[in-house]
Amino acid sequence: MAEPTAYQYAKLGSNLEFLRGISSVSLMQTTSLVAFPNLLGNLPAQRYSVHHVVEVVRSVLIQLEEMDLKTSLEIAEHYRPMLKDMEEYLAKNPNPETAFLLDHFADRLVEIAKHLAIALKQDLGTQSASS
């Protein structure tokens, strides 16, 4: 296997930060943001659609396989049943672009991402030590 590129590391880091940053969509908004359209697009309900999360989770799994990060991949395997659930939900939903994560589901994704970040540090430390 070829050495992972800097782009692969950057993309993996970006995807992992996205997953770690998922927040509950039940955020209570107390101020009208109509005058601030750029802020409206950045609210959790817009940022964390099921469709977008599915794309990122798939990407992370593929990247970990391609980069041969075994410990990280073991942790990321916890995403697979969740990914299956999200894909099935999107397939059944007549308007998949309007599907957003439920709080408990989002919290579980974040929990896995935190454990994955720790495993990734171990994998990368092992790789650099053996180089």
N, C-alpha and C. Protein backbone atom coordinates (compact mmCIF):
# COMPACT_ATOMS: atom_id res chain seq x y z
N MET A 1 0.83 -1.19 0.00
CA MET A 1 0.00 0.00 0.00
C MET A 1 0.88 1.25 0.00
N ALA A 2 0.48 2.24 -0.78
CA ALA A 2 1.22 3.49 -0.86
C ALA A 2 1.01 4.31 0.41
N GLU A 3 1.98 5.14 0.72
CA GLU A 3 1.86 6.02 1.87
C GLU A 3 0.70 6.98 1.67
N PRO A 4 -0.10 7.22 2.70
CA PRO A 4 -1.19 8.20 2.58
C PRO A 4 -0.64 9.59 2.25
N THR A 5 -1.40 10.33 1.48
CA THR A 5 -0.98 11.68 1.09
C THR A 5 -1.42 12.70 2.13
N ALA A 6 -0.84 13.88 2.04
CA ALA A 6 -1.23 14.97 2.95
C ALA A 6 -2.72 15.29 2.77
N TYR A 7 -3.20 15.21 1.54
CA TYR A 7 -4.63 15.47 1.27
C TYR A 7 -5.50 14.47 2.03
N GLN A 8 -5.12 13.19 2.03
CA GLN A 8 -5.91 12.18 2.73
C GLN A 8 -5.99 12.49 4.23
N TYR A 9 -4.86 12.90 4.79
CA TYR A 9 -4.85 13.24 6.21
C TYR A 9 -5.74 14.46 6.47
N ALA A 10 -5.64 15.47 5.61
CA ALA A 10 -6.44 16.69 5.79
C ALA A 10 -7.93 16.38 5.65
N LYS A 11 -8.28 15.58 4.67
CA LYS A 11 -9.70 15.25 4.46
C LYS A 11 -10.24 14.42 5.62
N LEU A 12 -9.45 13.46 6.09
CA LEU A 12 -9.87 12.64 7.22
C LEU A 12 -10.07 13.52 8.46
N GLY A 13 -9.16 14.42 8.70
CA GLY A 13 -9.28 15.34 9.84
C GLY A 13 -10.51 16.22 9.73
N SER A 14 -10.77 16.71 8.54
CA SER A 14 -11.95 17.55 8.30
C SER A 14 -13.24 16.77 8.53
N ASN A 15 -13.29 15.56 8.00
CA ASN A 15 -14.49 14.73 8.19
C ASN A 15 -14.71 14.38 9.65
N LEU A 16 -13.63 14.08 10.35
CA LEU A 16 -13.74 13.72 11.76
C LEU A 16 -14.21 14.93 12.58
N GLU A 17 -13.71 16.10 12.27
CA GLU A 17 -14.16 17.30 12.98
C GLU A 17 -15.63 17.59 12.69
N PHE A 18 -16.07 17.33 11.47
CA PHE A 18 -17.49 17.48 11.15
C PHE A 18 -18.32 16.58 12.05
N LEU A 19 -17.93 15.31 12.16
CA LEU A 19 -18.69 14.36 12.97
C LEU A 19 -18.61 14.70 14.46
N ARG A 20 -17.47 15.17 14.91
CA ARG A 20 -17.35 15.55 16.32
C ARG A 20 -18.17 16.80 16.63
N GLY A 21 -18.45 17.60 15.62
CA GLY A 21 -19.16 18.85 15.82
C GLY A 21 -20.66 18.75 15.67
N ILE A 22 -21.16 17.56 15.40
CA ILE A 22 -22.61 17.40 15.27
C ILE A 22 -23.23 17.76 16.60
N SER A 23 -24.24 18.56 16.52
CA SER A 23 -24.92 18.92 17.77
C SER A 23 -26.40 18.60 17.65
N SER A 24 -27.06 18.63 18.75
CA SER A 24 -28.48 18.32 18.78
C SER A 24 -29.26 19.29 17.92
N VAL A 25 -30.21 18.76 17.19
CA VAL A 25 -31.03 19.61 16.33
C VAL A 25 -32.19 20.22 17.10
N SER A 26 -32.32 19.91 18.36
CA SER A 26 -33.41 20.48 19.13
C SER A 26 -33.01 21.80 19.78
N LEU A 27 -31.98 22.41 19.25
CA LEU A 27 -31.52 23.70 19.72
C LEU A 27 -32.68 24.69 19.73
N MET A 28 -32.87 25.33 20.85
CA MET A 28 -33.97 26.29 20.93
C MET A 28 -33.45 27.66 20.51
N GLN A 29 -34.02 28.18 19.48
CA GLN A 29 -33.62 29.47 18.97
C GLN A 29 -34.52 30.53 19.59
N THR A 30 -33.93 31.52 20.27
CA THR A 30 -34.72 32.53 20.95
C THR A 30 -34.71 33.88 20.24
N THR A 31 -33.86 34.03 19.26
CA THR A 31 -33.75 35.28 18.53
C THR A 31 -34.02 35.02 17.05
N SER A 32 -34.77 35.91 16.45
CA SER A 32 -35.03 35.77 15.02
C SER A 32 -33.75 36.07 14.24
N LEU A 33 -33.42 35.17 13.33
CA LEU A 33 -32.22 35.34 12.53
C LEU A 33 -32.54 35.64 11.07
N VAL A 34 -33.76 36.07 10.81
CA VAL A 34 -34.18 36.34 9.43
C VAL A 34 -33.28 37.38 8.79
N ALA A 35 -32.82 38.34 9.55
CA ALA A 35 -31.96 39.39 9.02
C ALA A 35 -30.54 38.91 8.76
N PHE A 36 -30.24 37.68 9.18
CA PHE A 36 -28.89 37.15 9.04
C PHE A 36 -28.92 35.81 8.29
N PRO A 37 -29.15 35.84 6.97
CA PRO A 37 -29.31 34.59 6.22
C PRO A 37 -28.09 33.67 6.30
N ASN A 38 -26.89 34.21 6.43
CA ASN A 38 -25.71 33.35 6.53
C ASN A 38 -25.71 32.56 7.83
N LEU A 39 -26.23 33.13 8.89
CA LEU A 39 -26.33 32.41 10.15
C LEU A 39 -27.41 31.34 10.09
N LEU A 40 -28.50 31.62 9.39
CA LEU A 40 -29.58 30.63 9.26
C LEU A 40 -29.07 29.34 8.65
N GLY A 41 -28.23 29.46 7.65
CA GLY A 41 -27.69 28.28 6.97
C GLY A 41 -26.70 27.51 7.82
N ASN A 42 -26.26 28.10 8.93
CA ASN A 42 -25.28 27.45 9.78
C ASN A 42 -25.89 26.83 11.03
N LEU A 43 -27.21 26.88 11.17
CA LEU A 43 -27.85 26.24 12.31
C LEU A 43 -27.74 24.73 12.19
N PRO A 44 -27.70 24.02 13.31
CA PRO A 44 -27.53 22.56 13.25
C PRO A 44 -28.53 21.85 12.35
N ALA A 45 -29.77 22.29 12.35
CA ALA A 45 -30.77 21.60 11.52
C ALA A 45 -30.42 21.67 10.04
N GLN A 46 -29.78 22.74 9.60
CA GLN A 46 -29.36 22.84 8.20
C GLN A 46 -28.03 22.13 7.97
N ARG A 47 -27.15 22.19 8.94
CA ARG A 47 -25.81 21.64 8.77
C ARG A 47 -25.77 20.13 8.84
N TYR A 48 -26.67 19.52 9.60
CA TYR A 48 -26.55 18.10 9.86
C TYR A 48 -27.72 17.30 9.34
N SER A 49 -27.94 17.47 8.06
CA SER A 49 -28.96 16.65 7.43
C SER A 49 -28.46 15.21 7.38
N VAL A 50 -29.37 14.28 7.41
CA VAL A 50 -29.01 12.86 7.38
C VAL A 50 -28.20 12.56 6.12
N HIS A 51 -28.62 13.13 5.00
CA HIS A 51 -27.93 12.89 3.74
C HIS A 51 -26.45 13.29 3.83
N HIS A 52 -26.18 14.45 4.39
CA HIS A 52 -24.80 14.92 4.48
C HIS A 52 -23.99 14.06 5.45
N VAL A 53 -24.59 13.68 6.56
CA VAL A 53 -23.90 12.84 7.53
C VAL A 53 -23.57 11.47 6.91
N VAL A 54 -24.48 10.92 6.14
CA VAL A 54 -24.24 9.64 5.45
C VAL A 54 -23.00 9.77 4.56
N GLU A 55 -22.92 10.84 3.80
CA GLU A 55 -21.77 11.04 2.91
C GLU A 55 -20.46 11.09 3.69
N VAL A 56 -20.47 11.81 4.81
CA VAL A 56 -19.25 11.95 5.60
C VAL A 56 -18.86 10.63 6.26
N VAL A 57 -19.81 9.91 6.80
CA VAL A 57 -19.50 8.62 7.44
C VAL A 57 -18.95 7.64 6.42
N ARG A 58 -19.56 7.59 5.25
CA ARG A 58 -19.04 6.71 4.18
C ARG A 58 -17.61 7.08 3.84
N SER A 59 -17.37 8.37 3.71
CA SER A 59 -16.04 8.85 3.36
C SER A 59 -15.01 8.46 4.42
N VAL A 60 -15.36 8.60 5.69
CA VAL A 60 -14.44 8.24 6.77
C VAL A 60 -14.10 6.76 6.71
N LEU A 61 -15.10 5.92 6.52
CA LEU A 61 -14.86 4.47 6.46
C LEU A 61 -13.95 4.12 5.29
N ILE A 62 -14.20 4.72 4.14
CA ILE A 62 -13.36 4.46 2.97
C ILE A 62 -11.93 4.93 3.22
N GLN A 63 -11.79 6.13 3.79
CA GLN A 63 -10.45 6.66 4.04
C GLN A 63 -9.67 5.78 5.01
N LEU A 64 -10.30 5.34 6.06
CA LEU A 64 -9.60 4.50 7.04
C LEU A 64 -9.16 3.19 6.41
N GLU A 65 -9.99 2.63 5.54
CA GLU A 65 -9.62 1.39 4.83
C GLU A 65 -8.45 1.65 3.90
N GLU A 66 -8.54 2.72 3.11
CA GLU A 66 -7.48 3.03 2.14
C GLU A 66 -6.16 3.35 2.84
N MET A 67 -6.23 3.99 4.00
CA MET A 67 -5.01 4.39 4.72
C MET A 67 -4.52 3.27 5.64
N ASP A 68 -5.26 2.17 5.70
CA ASP A 68 -4.89 1.00 6.49
C ASP A 68 -4.66 1.34 7.97
N LEU A 69 -5.60 2.09 8.52
CA LEU A 69 -5.54 2.48 9.93
C LEU A 69 -6.42 1.51 10.72
N LYS A 70 -5.83 0.40 11.11
CA LYS A 70 -6.58 -0.73 11.65
C LYS A 70 -7.31 -0.43 12.97
N THR A 71 -6.63 0.18 13.93
CA THR A 71 -7.26 0.48 15.21
C THR A 71 -8.43 1.45 15.01
N SER A 72 -8.22 2.44 14.19
CA SER A 72 -9.27 3.43 13.91
C SER A 72 -10.45 2.77 13.20
N LEU A 73 -10.15 1.88 12.30
CA LEU A 73 -11.21 1.19 11.56
C LEU A 73 -12.05 0.31 12.49
N GLU A 74 -11.40 -0.28 13.49
CA GLU A 74 -12.15 -1.08 14.48
C GLU A 74 -13.18 -0.21 15.20
N ILE A 75 -12.79 0.99 15.59
CA ILE A 75 -13.71 1.92 16.26
C ILE A 75 -14.78 2.37 15.29
N ALA A 76 -14.39 2.68 14.07
CA ALA A 76 -15.32 3.19 13.06
C ALA A 76 -16.35 2.16 12.65
N GLU A 77 -16.08 0.89 12.90
CA GLU A 77 -17.06 -0.16 12.57
C GLU A 77 -18.39 0.08 13.27
N HIS A 78 -18.36 0.80 14.38
CA HIS A 78 -19.60 1.13 15.10
C HIS A 78 -20.51 2.03 14.26
N TYR A 79 -19.93 2.69 13.27
CA TYR A 79 -20.72 3.53 12.37
C TYR A 79 -21.56 2.70 11.38
N ARG A 80 -21.10 1.51 11.06
CA ARG A 80 -21.76 0.74 10.00
C ARG A 80 -23.25 0.48 10.25
N PRO A 81 -23.67 0.00 11.43
CA PRO A 81 -25.11 -0.18 11.63
C PRO A 81 -25.88 1.14 11.59
N MET A 82 -25.24 2.19 12.08
CA MET A 82 -25.88 3.50 12.06
C MET A 82 -26.02 4.00 10.61
N LEU A 83 -24.97 3.76 9.83
CA LEU A 83 -24.99 4.14 8.43
C LEU A 83 -26.11 3.40 7.70
N LYS A 84 -26.24 2.12 7.99
CA LYS A 84 -27.30 1.31 7.38
C LYS A 84 -28.68 1.88 7.75
N ASP A 85 -28.86 2.22 9.02
CA ASP A 85 -30.14 2.80 9.47
C ASP A 85 -30.44 4.11 8.74
N MET A 86 -29.42 4.96 8.60
CA MET A 86 -29.63 6.25 7.93
C MET A 86 -29.94 6.05 6.45
N GLU A 87 -29.21 5.13 5.81
CA GLU A 87 -29.46 4.87 4.39
C GLU A 87 -30.86 4.32 4.16
N GLU A 88 -31.29 3.41 5.03
CA GLU A 88 -32.64 2.85 4.91
C GLU A 88 -33.70 3.94 5.13
N TYR A 89 -33.47 4.79 6.09
CA TYR A 89 -34.41 5.87 6.36
C TYR A 89 -34.51 6.82 5.15
N LEU A 90 -33.36 7.16 4.58
CA LEU A 90 -33.37 8.05 3.41
C LEU A 90 -34.07 7.40 2.23
N ALA A 91 -33.87 6.09 2.06
CA ALA A 91 -34.51 5.38 0.94
C ALA A 91 -36.03 5.37 1.07
N LYS A 92 -36.53 5.34 2.30
CA LYS A 92 -37.97 5.30 2.52
C LYS A 92 -38.60 6.69 2.58
N ASN A 93 -37.79 7.70 2.79
CA ASN A 93 -38.29 9.06 2.98
C ASN A 93 -38.56 9.72 1.62
N PRO A 94 -39.79 10.22 1.40
CA PRO A 94 -40.09 10.85 0.11
C PRO A 94 -39.33 12.17 -0.08
N ASN A 95 -38.90 12.80 0.99
CA ASN A 95 -38.13 14.05 0.92
C ASN A 95 -36.86 13.92 1.75
N PRO A 96 -35.87 13.17 1.25
CA PRO A 96 -34.67 12.91 2.07
C PRO A 96 -33.90 14.17 2.45
N GLU A 97 -34.01 15.22 1.65
CA GLU A 97 -33.28 16.45 1.98
C GLU A 97 -33.83 17.14 3.22
N THR A 98 -35.01 16.74 3.67
CA THR A 98 -35.59 17.35 4.87
C THR A 98 -35.37 16.49 6.11
N ALA A 99 -34.63 15.41 5.99
CA ALA A 99 -34.38 14.51 7.12
C ALA A 99 -33.19 15.01 7.93
N PHE A 100 -33.40 15.16 9.24
CA PHE A 100 -32.34 15.61 10.13
C PHE A 100 -32.16 14.62 11.27
N LEU A 101 -31.00 14.64 11.86
CA LEU A 101 -30.67 13.70 12.93
C LEU A 101 -31.50 13.96 14.18
N LEU A 102 -31.88 12.89 14.85
CA LEU A 102 -32.49 13.00 16.17
C LEU A 102 -31.37 13.14 17.19
N ASP A 103 -31.68 13.76 18.31
CA ASP A 103 -30.66 14.06 19.32
C ASP A 103 -29.88 12.84 19.77
N HIS A 104 -30.57 11.76 20.14
CA HIS A 104 -29.86 10.60 20.66
C HIS A 104 -28.97 9.97 19.59
N PHE A 105 -29.40 10.03 18.36
CA PHE A 105 -28.62 9.48 17.25
C PHE A 105 -27.39 10.35 17.01
N ALA A 106 -27.59 11.67 17.01
CA ALA A 106 -26.47 12.60 16.83
C ALA A 106 -25.46 12.44 17.95
N ASP A 107 -25.95 12.28 19.18
CA ASP A 107 -25.06 12.12 20.33
C ASP A 107 -24.21 10.85 20.18
N ARG A 108 -24.79 9.79 19.67
CA ARG A 108 -24.06 8.54 19.47
C ARG A 108 -22.98 8.71 18.39
N LEU A 109 -23.30 9.43 17.32
CA LEU A 109 -22.31 9.69 16.28
C LEU A 109 -21.12 10.47 16.84
N VAL A 110 -21.42 11.46 17.67
CA VAL A 110 -20.36 12.27 18.29
C VAL A 110 -19.50 11.41 19.21
N GLU A 111 -20.14 10.56 20.00
CA GLU A 111 -19.43 9.67 20.92
C GLU A 111 -18.43 8.79 20.15
N ILE A 112 -18.89 8.21 19.07
CA ILE A 112 -18.00 7.37 18.25
C ILE A 112 -16.86 8.20 17.68
N ALA A 113 -17.18 9.41 17.21
CA ALA A 113 -16.14 10.28 16.64
C ALA A 113 -15.07 10.62 17.66
N LYS A 114 -15.46 10.81 18.91
CA LYS A 114 -14.47 11.11 19.95
C LYS A 114 -13.55 9.92 20.18
N HIS A 115 -14.11 8.72 20.23
CA HIS A 115 -13.29 7.52 20.38
C HIS A 115 -12.41 7.29 19.15
N LEU A 116 -12.95 7.62 17.99
CA LEU A 116 -12.21 7.47 16.75
C LEU A 116 -11.01 8.42 16.72
N ALA A 117 -11.18 9.61 17.22
CA ALA A 117 -10.07 10.57 17.26
C ALA A 117 -8.92 10.05 18.11
N ILE A 118 -9.24 9.41 19.23
CA ILE A 118 -8.21 8.84 20.11
C ILE A 118 -7.50 7.69 19.39
N ALA A 119 -8.28 6.81 18.75
CA ALA A 119 -7.70 5.68 18.02
C ALA A 119 -6.83 6.17 16.86
N LEU A 120 -7.27 7.21 16.20
CA LEU A 120 -6.52 7.76 15.07
C LEU A 120 -5.16 8.28 15.54
N LYS A 121 -5.14 8.94 16.69
CA LYS A 121 -3.86 9.42 17.23
C LYS A 121 -2.94 8.24 17.51
N GLN A 122 -3.49 7.15 18.03
CA GLN A 122 -2.67 5.96 18.29
C GLN A 122 -2.16 5.36 16.98
N ASP A 123 -3.03 5.25 15.99
CA ASP A 123 -2.61 4.71 14.70
C ASP A 123 -1.52 5.55 14.07
N LEU A 124 -1.70 6.85 14.10
CA LEU A 124 -0.71 7.74 13.47
C LEU A 124 0.60 7.73 14.25
N GLY A 125 0.50 7.60 15.57
CA GLY A 125 1.72 7.50 16.38
C GLY A 125 2.48 6.22 16.09
N THR A 126 1.74 5.14 15.89
CA THR A 126 2.34 3.85 15.55
C THR A 126 3.01 3.91 14.18
N GLN A 127 2.31 4.56 13.23
CA GLN A 127 2.87 4.67 11.87
C GLN A 127 4.16 5.48 11.88
N SER A 128 4.17 6.61 12.61
CA SER A 128 5.36 7.45 12.60
C SER A 128 6.52 6.79 13.36
N ALA A 129 6.20 6.00 14.38
CA ALA A 129 7.24 5.30 15.13
C ALA A 129 7.87 4.19 14.29
N SER A 130 7.07 3.57 13.42
CA SER A 130 7.61 2.48 12.62
C SER A 130 8.27 2.97 11.33
N SER A 131 8.14 4.26 11.04
CA SER A 131 8.76 4.80 9.81
C SER A 131 10.22 5.09 9.98
